[in-house]
């Protein structure tokens, strides 16, 4: 099965898949927690957690993790 990112409201019992994150790995939050960065399909990508399409930032054929600071 292909990996994906999920989010869960604190008051909810079930997580919800973040559409567009197929193949995602090594996720990390933006400083304001409104976006998430992740690696997928050999790329570094970001997307807003509340919706929208992922945005490719750069090629990342050998990801080693990420962090997002102000």
Protein backbone atom coordinates (compact mmCIF):
# COMPACT_ATOMS: atom_id res chain seq x y z
CA UNK A 1 0.00 0.00 0.00
CA UNK A 2 1.18 3.49 -0.81
CA UNK A 3 1.86 5.81 2.12
CA UNK A 4 -0.25 8.95 2.67
CA UNK A 5 -0.54 11.69 5.26
CA UNK A 6 -3.50 11.85 7.62
CA UNK A 7 -4.74 14.54 10.01
CA UNK A 8 -7.07 14.20 12.96
CA UNK A 9 -8.91 16.93 14.81
CA UNK A 10 -8.29 16.61 18.54
CA UNK A 11 -12.03 16.16 19.16
CA UNK A 12 -12.41 13.54 16.39
CA UNK A 13 -11.90 9.82 16.68
CA UNK A 14 -10.98 9.07 13.07
CA UNK A 15 -8.11 10.50 11.02
CA UNK A 16 -8.76 11.90 7.54
CA UNK A 17 -6.45 11.37 4.57
CA UNK A 18 -4.83 14.53 3.18
CA UNK A 19 -5.68 14.26 -0.53
CA UNK A 20 -2.66 14.69 -2.78
CA UNK A 21 -0.12 13.14 -0.40
CA UNK A 22 0.16 9.74 -2.07
CA UNK A 23 3.66 8.35 -1.53
CA UNK A 24 4.42 10.95 1.16
CA UNK A 25 7.14 10.30 3.70
CA UNK A 26 9.13 12.25 6.31
CA UNK A 27 6.52 15.01 6.88
CA UNK A 28 7.24 18.20 8.82
CA UNK A 29 5.04 21.14 9.85
CA UNK A 30 5.33 24.79 8.88
CA UNK A 31 5.91 27.18 11.83
CA UNK A 32 2.23 28.25 11.76
CA UNK A 33 0.99 24.62 11.44
CA UNK A 34 -1.12 25.58 8.39
CA UNK A 35 1.06 23.71 5.90
CA UNK A 36 3.04 20.53 5.82
CA UNK A 37 6.23 19.72 3.95
CA UNK A 38 6.96 16.18 2.80
CA UNK A 39 8.87 14.11 0.29
CA UNK A 40 7.09 12.14 -2.45
CA UNK A 41 8.02 10.77 -5.85
CA UNK A 42 11.57 12.17 -5.65
CA UNK A 43 10.42 15.72 -4.83
CA UNK A 44 10.22 18.05 -1.83
CA UNK A 45 6.62 19.24 -1.64
CA UNK A 46 4.40 21.45 0.50
CA UNK A 47 0.67 21.89 0.79
CA UNK A 48 -1.90 23.62 2.95
CA UNK A 49 -3.49 21.21 5.40
CA UNK A 50 -6.96 22.69 4.84
CA UNK A 51 -6.92 21.81 1.15
CA UNK A 52 -5.38 22.58 -2.17
CA UNK A 53 -2.91 20.83 -4.40
CA UNK A 54 0.63 19.97 -3.37
CA UNK A 55 3.35 22.34 -4.62
CA UNK A 56 6.70 20.99 -5.74
CA UNK A 57 9.58 22.94 -4.18
CA UNK A 58 12.61 21.04 -5.47
CA UNK A 59 13.94 17.72 -6.66
CA UNK A 60 14.84 15.47 -3.73
CA UNK A 61 15.84 12.05 -5.04
CA UNK A 62 17.47 11.03 -1.72
CA UNK A 63 15.48 12.72 1.09
CA UNK A 64 16.97 12.77 4.57
CA UNK A 65 14.28 14.70 6.43
CA UNK A 66 13.34 18.32 6.70
CA UNK A 67 12.52 21.16 9.03
CA UNK A 68 10.70 24.43 8.42
CA UNK A 69 11.71 27.48 10.40
CA UNK A 70 10.59 31.12 10.34
